[in-house]
Amino acid sequence: MQTNPTHTSLVAVGDSFTEGMSDLLPDGTYRGWADLLASRMAAVAPGFRYANLAVRGKLIRQIVDEQVDAAAAMRADVVTLVGGLNDTLRPKCDMVMVRDLLTEAVERLTPHCGQLVLMRSPARQGPVQERFRPRMEALFACLDELAERHGALVVDLYGAPSLGDQRLWDVDRLHLTAEGHRRVTEAVWQALGYPPEDPEWQLPPPAALPPAWTARRAADARFARQHLLPWIGRRLTGRSSGDGRPPKRPELLPYDLR
C-alpha cells in the first residue's frame, strides 16, 4: 500500500456490483462505488483517466472472455477485478472452473497494470448468505491465494459489519444502496493508500427499531413479485439482465469532474 499515491488511471472490471446497481441517479443511470472512486482519484490527479467495463449479470467466464484483455491493453495504474459471485449464486456451480478462470484473469491482468485490486464481495445478512456461504468463502480463499502470489490488494468487504446490515441493501436484496456504494468507495480508497475520509466506514448505521411484521411481509411479497420471479424466469430461459448491454464506460478517457 502506498502513502500519498499518485495514480493517474483506473479500469474497473466486473458485473453489476461494479456497474453500480442500485445507486440510481436522477437520469436513470447508475453511479456506484467505481464512479465515486474515480471522482475522488481525479480530484487529486490532473488528467486522470477512467474506464468501467462492467456489465450486470456477467459470470466469471464472460468477464474473462469479454473484459480482461481489453482492461490489460489499457495498462492502467489501477485495475479492480470483482467477479465470480454470480457463479456461486447459481444452483449448480463448478468452483474448480471459477478458481481456474479467476487465476487466468489475475495472471493476464497483473503484468499490465500498476496495481491489481481484488475484493471479498459484501453479503447481506440473511438466509441467502448462509446457504451460499461455503461457496463464497471458497471464492474468497482463492482470491487471498492469488493476491499473495501476484502482489494484488484484497479489500475485505465481506468482513465489514456495515456491509452486512440489511439497511445498506436495495429492495432487490442483491445490490447495495447509494450509502453502501459510498462505503465500498471508502474501503478501496483507503486500501490504495489515500488518507481516510471516513475512518468508521466499517461500522453499521445507528441501531433502529425493526420494521413491523406486516411491513416485513409486504416487503417480502414486493421482492418476490418485482425481483425474485423475474430472476427465476431468466435462469429458466438462459437469459441474463446484461444481455446486449455494452460496457458502462468502454474507453480509458479523462474523467470530467463537472
Protein backbone atom coordinates (compact mmCIF):
# COMPACT_ATOMS: atom_id res chain seq x y z
CA MET A 1 0.00 0.00 0.00
CA GLN A 2 1.33 3.40 -0.99
CA THR A 3 1.25 6.55 1.10
CA ASN A 4 0.11 9.67 -0.77
CA PRO A 5 -0.34 7.70 -4.03
CA THR A 6 -0.32 9.35 -7.45
CA HIS A 7 -2.47 7.07 -9.58
CA THR A 8 -3.44 8.60 -12.92
CA SER A 9 -5.77 5.93 -14.34
CA LEU A 10 -8.34 3.36 -13.20
CA VAL A 11 -10.04 0.49 -15.04
CA ALA A 12 -12.91 -1.39 -13.36
CA VAL A 13 -13.78 -4.96 -14.41
CA GLY A 14 -16.78 -6.97 -13.26
CA ASP A 15 -20.55 -7.34 -13.06
CA SER A 16 -23.50 -5.40 -11.60
CA PHE A 17 -21.63 -4.65 -8.38
CA THR A 18 -19.00 -2.70 -10.31
CA GLU A 19 -21.52 -1.27 -12.78
CA GLY A 20 -23.09 0.45 -9.79
CA MET A 21 -26.53 -1.07 -9.30
CA SER A 22 -28.59 0.11 -7.33
CA ASP A 23 -27.02 3.55 -6.88
CA LEU A 24 -29.56 5.18 -9.17
CA LEU A 25 -29.08 8.72 -10.49
CA PRO A 26 -31.95 11.07 -11.46
CA ASP A 27 -31.35 10.42 -15.18
CA GLY A 28 -31.93 6.68 -14.72
CA THR A 29 -28.27 5.63 -14.94
CA TYR A 30 -26.25 4.02 -12.17
CA ARG A 31 -23.29 5.59 -10.40
CA GLY A 32 -21.76 3.15 -7.88
CA TRP A 33 -18.52 2.79 -5.98
CA ALA A 34 -16.21 2.70 -9.03
CA ASP A 35 -17.51 6.02 -10.38
CA LEU A 36 -17.23 7.54 -6.91
CA LEU A 37 -13.68 6.24 -6.57
CA ALA A 38 -12.76 7.66 -9.98
CA SER A 39 -14.10 11.08 -9.00
CA ARG A 40 -12.01 11.09 -5.81
CA MET A 41 -8.87 9.98 -7.63
CA ALA A 42 -9.44 12.54 -10.40
CA ALA A 43 -9.70 15.32 -7.83
CA VAL A 44 -6.09 14.73 -6.76
CA ALA A 45 -4.57 13.71 -10.12
CA PRO A 46 -4.91 16.15 -13.05
CA GLY A 47 -5.63 14.40 -16.33
CA PHE A 48 -6.93 11.29 -14.53
CA ARG A 49 -8.45 8.67 -16.88
CA TYR A 50 -11.15 6.11 -16.13
CA ALA A 51 -12.84 3.14 -17.83
CA ASN A 52 -15.54 0.86 -16.44
CA LEU A 53 -16.02 -2.35 -18.44
CA ALA A 54 -18.53 -3.91 -16.03
CA VAL A 55 -21.87 -5.29 -17.24
CA ARG A 56 -24.62 -6.57 -14.96
CA GLY A 57 -25.30 -10.31 -14.78
CA LYS A 58 -21.91 -11.41 -16.10
CA LEU A 59 -20.44 -14.74 -14.97
CA ILE A 60 -16.71 -15.13 -14.45
CA ARG A 61 -16.18 -16.80 -17.86
CA GLN A 62 -17.89 -13.86 -19.59
CA ILE A 63 -15.80 -11.38 -17.60
CA VAL A 64 -12.61 -13.18 -18.63
CA ASP A 65 -13.67 -13.52 -22.28
CA GLU A 66 -15.11 -10.03 -22.74
CA GLN A 67 -13.32 -7.68 -20.35
CA VAL A 68 -9.91 -8.91 -19.21
CA ASP A 69 -7.92 -8.46 -22.42
CA ALA A 70 -9.45 -5.03 -23.00
CA ALA A 71 -8.52 -3.98 -19.47
CA ALA A 72 -4.98 -5.32 -19.80
CA ALA A 73 -4.48 -3.40 -23.05
CA MET A 74 -5.27 -0.12 -21.28
CA ARG A 75 -2.24 -0.53 -18.95
CA ALA A 76 -3.85 1.45 -16.16
CA ASP A 77 -2.23 2.37 -12.87
CA VAL A 78 -5.05 0.59 -11.01
CA VAL A 79 -7.34 -2.24 -12.18
CA THR A 80 -10.16 -3.56 -10.00
CA LEU A 81 -11.44 -7.08 -10.64
CA VAL A 82 -14.61 -8.32 -8.95
CA GLY A 83 -16.24 -11.44 -10.36
CA GLY A 84 -17.36 -14.97 -9.61
CA LEU A 85 -20.08 -14.19 -7.09
CA ASN A 86 -22.83 -14.57 -9.71
CA ASP A 87 -21.49 -18.06 -10.36
CA THR A 88 -21.66 -19.01 -6.69
CA LEU A 89 -25.33 -17.99 -6.54
CA ARG A 90 -26.34 -20.37 -9.34
CA PRO A 91 -27.98 -23.69 -8.33
CA LYS A 92 -25.08 -25.53 -9.97
CA CYS A 93 -21.61 -24.04 -9.71
CA ASP A 94 -18.29 -25.58 -10.74
CA MET A 95 -15.96 -24.00 -8.19
CA VAL A 96 -12.89 -25.56 -9.82
CA MET A 97 -13.78 -23.76 -13.04
CA VAL A 98 -14.39 -20.50 -11.16
CA ARG A 99 -10.99 -20.73 -9.47
CA ASP A 100 -9.27 -21.55 -12.77
CA LEU A 101 -10.88 -18.58 -14.53
CA LEU A 102 -10.06 -16.18 -11.69
CA THR A 103 -6.48 -17.39 -11.81
CA GLU A 104 -6.40 -16.78 -15.57
CA ALA A 105 -7.82 -13.28 -15.13
CA VAL A 106 -5.28 -12.33 -12.47
CA GLU A 107 -2.37 -13.77 -14.45
CA ARG A 108 -3.43 -11.83 -17.56
CA LEU A 109 -4.03 -8.53 -15.76
CA THR A 110 -1.12 -8.35 -13.30
CA PRO A 111 1.70 -7.77 -15.82
CA HIS A 112 -0.20 -4.93 -17.47
CA CYS A 113 -1.26 -2.71 -14.56
CA GLY A 114 0.43 -0.89 -11.75
CA GLN A 115 -1.81 -2.33 -9.01
CA LEU A 116 -4.47 -5.02 -9.23
CA VAL A 117 -7.26 -4.78 -6.64
CA LEU A 118 -9.42 -7.80 -5.74
CA MET A 119 -12.36 -7.82 -3.34
CA ARG A 120 -14.11 -10.10 -0.92
CA SER A 121 -17.60 -9.10 -2.03
CA PRO A 122 -20.11 -7.90 0.59
CA ALA A 123 -23.01 -10.14 1.58
CA ARG A 124 -26.36 -9.18 3.04
CA GLN A 125 -27.10 -10.88 6.35
CA GLY A 126 -29.85 -13.46 6.00
CA PRO A 127 -30.70 -16.99 4.79
CA VAL A 128 -29.31 -16.48 1.29
CA GLN A 129 -25.86 -15.70 2.66
CA GLU A 130 -25.98 -18.74 4.93
CA ARG A 131 -26.99 -21.03 2.08
CA PHE A 132 -24.15 -19.96 -0.19
CA ARG A 133 -21.54 -19.18 2.47
CA PRO A 134 -19.31 -22.24 1.72
CA ARG A 135 -19.03 -21.30 -1.96
CA MET A 136 -18.43 -17.65 -1.20
CA GLU A 137 -15.71 -18.41 1.31
CA ALA A 138 -14.05 -20.83 -1.13
CA LEU A 139 -14.06 -17.99 -3.68
CA PHE A 140 -12.51 -15.59 -1.18
CA ALA A 141 -9.83 -18.12 -0.19
CA CYS A 142 -8.87 -18.34 -3.86
CA LEU A 143 -8.62 -14.54 -4.05
CA ASP A 144 -6.36 -14.44 -0.99
CA GLU A 145 -4.04 -17.02 -2.54
CA LEU A 146 -3.91 -15.19 -5.87
CA ALA A 147 -3.24 -11.86 -4.17
CA GLU A 148 -0.33 -13.27 -2.19
CA ARG A 149 1.12 -14.89 -5.30
CA HIS A 150 0.78 -11.88 -7.59
CA GLY A 151 1.04 -8.87 -5.29
CA ALA A 152 -2.59 -7.82 -5.60
CA LEU A 153 -4.53 -5.95 -2.93
CA VAL A 154 -7.57 -7.61 -1.36
CA VAL A 155 -10.28 -5.33 0.04
CA ASP A 156 -12.32 -7.24 2.63
CA LEU A 157 -15.91 -6.06 2.21
CA TYR A 158 -17.31 -9.42 3.35
CA GLY A 159 -15.88 -8.93 6.83
CA ALA A 160 -17.20 -5.37 7.27
CA PRO A 161 -20.17 -5.29 9.71
CA SER A 162 -21.66 -2.26 7.96
CA LEU A 163 -21.98 -4.01 4.60
CA GLY A 164 -23.84 -6.96 6.09
CA ASP A 165 -26.51 -4.63 7.50
CA GLN A 166 -29.76 -5.11 5.58
CA ARG A 167 -30.39 -1.35 5.61
CA LEU A 168 -27.48 -0.84 3.21
CA TRP A 169 -29.04 -3.13 0.60
CA ASP A 170 -31.62 -2.23 -2.03
CA VAL A 171 -35.11 -3.75 -2.19
CA ASP A 172 -33.83 -6.35 -4.69
CA ARG A 173 -31.62 -7.73 -1.87
CA LEU A 174 -28.77 -8.23 -4.35
CA HIS A 175 -27.28 -4.73 -4.69
CA LEU A 176 -26.07 -2.06 -2.32
CA THR A 177 -27.79 1.27 -1.77
CA ALA A 178 -26.04 4.56 -2.51
CA GLU A 179 -24.75 4.58 1.07
CA GLY A 180 -23.43 1.06 0.65
CA HIS A 181 -21.57 2.05 -2.51
CA ARG A 182 -20.11 5.07 -0.73
CA ARG A 183 -18.67 2.81 1.94
CA VAL A 184 -17.16 0.48 -0.66
CA THR A 185 -15.51 3.53 -2.26
CA GLU A 186 -14.02 4.43 1.09
CA ALA A 187 -12.71 0.90 1.60
CA VAL A 188 -10.93 0.82 -1.77
CA TRP A 189 -9.71 4.41 -1.38
CA GLN A 190 -8.01 3.57 1.91
CA ALA A 191 -6.62 0.26 0.61
CA LEU A 192 -4.89 2.18 -2.19
CA GLY A 193 -3.17 4.36 0.40
CA TYR A 194 -5.23 7.53 0.26
CA PRO A 195 -5.98 9.35 3.54
CA PRO A 196 -9.28 8.25 5.12
CA GLU A 197 -12.34 10.40 4.59
CA ASP A 198 -14.50 8.11 6.74
CA PRO A 199 -12.40 6.10 9.22
CA GLU A 200 -15.55 4.40 10.52
CA TRP A 201 -16.93 3.10 7.19
CA GLN A 202 -16.99 -0.45 8.60
CA LEU A 203 -19.37 0.48 11.43
CA PRO A 204 -23.08 -0.18 10.76
CA PRO A 205 -25.63 2.64 10.89
CA PRO A 206 -27.06 3.50 14.31
CA ALA A 207 -29.47 0.94 15.71
CA ALA A 208 -33.12 1.40 14.82
CA LEU A 209 -36.37 -0.34 15.66
CA PRO A 210 -37.03 -3.24 13.25
CA PRO A 211 -39.99 -2.81 10.89
CA ALA A 212 -43.32 -4.26 11.96
CA TRP A 213 -44.30 -7.80 10.94
CA THR A 214 -46.81 -6.54 8.38
CA ALA A 215 -44.24 -4.25 6.80
CA ARG A 216 -41.75 -7.13 6.54
CA ARG A 217 -44.31 -9.41 4.88
CA ALA A 218 -45.30 -6.66 2.43
CA ALA A 219 -41.63 -6.14 1.58
CA ASP A 220 -41.18 -9.89 1.06
CA ALA A 221 -44.15 -10.00 -1.31
CA ARG A 222 -42.90 -6.98 -3.27
CA PHE A 223 -39.41 -8.50 -3.51
CA ALA A 224 -40.80 -11.80 -4.83
CA ARG A 225 -43.01 -10.09 -7.41
CA GLN A 226 -40.57 -7.47 -8.68
CA HIS A 227 -37.22 -9.23 -8.37
CA LEU A 228 -37.26 -12.92 -7.42
CA LEU A 229 -39.73 -14.17 -10.03
CA PRO A 230 -38.07 -12.29 -12.93
CA TRP A 231 -34.68 -13.62 -11.77
CA ILE A 232 -36.03 -17.19 -11.77
CA GLY A 233 -37.53 -16.60 -15.22
CA ARG A 234 -34.15 -15.52 -16.61
CA ARG A 235 -32.46 -18.58 -15.10
CA LEU A 236 -35.04 -20.94 -16.63
CA THR A 237 -34.70 -19.40 -20.08
CA GLY A 238 -30.93 -18.96 -20.04
CA ARG A 239 -31.11 -15.17 -20.23
CA SER A 240 -29.17 -12.55 -18.29
CA SER A 241 -30.01 -8.99 -17.24
CA GLY A 242 -26.85 -7.93 -19.07
CA ASP A 243 -27.65 -9.50 -22.43
CA GLY A 244 -26.99 -6.98 -25.20
CA ARG A 245 -25.72 -4.28 -22.85
CA PRO A 246 -22.45 -2.54 -23.70
CA PRO A 247 -19.78 -1.84 -21.06
CA LYS A 248 -20.57 1.13 -18.86
CA ARG A 249 -17.53 3.20 -19.91
CA PRO A 250 -15.58 1.20 -22.51
CA GLU A 251 -12.71 3.61 -23.20
CA LEU A 252 -10.00 4.89 -20.90
CA LEU A 253 -10.79 8.60 -21.11
CA PRO A 254 -10.21 11.69 -18.95
CA TYR A 255 -12.70 11.85 -16.08
CA ASP A 256 -14.74 15.05 -16.10
CA LEU A 257 -15.38 16.29 -12.57
CA ARG A 258 -18.06 18.75 -13.67
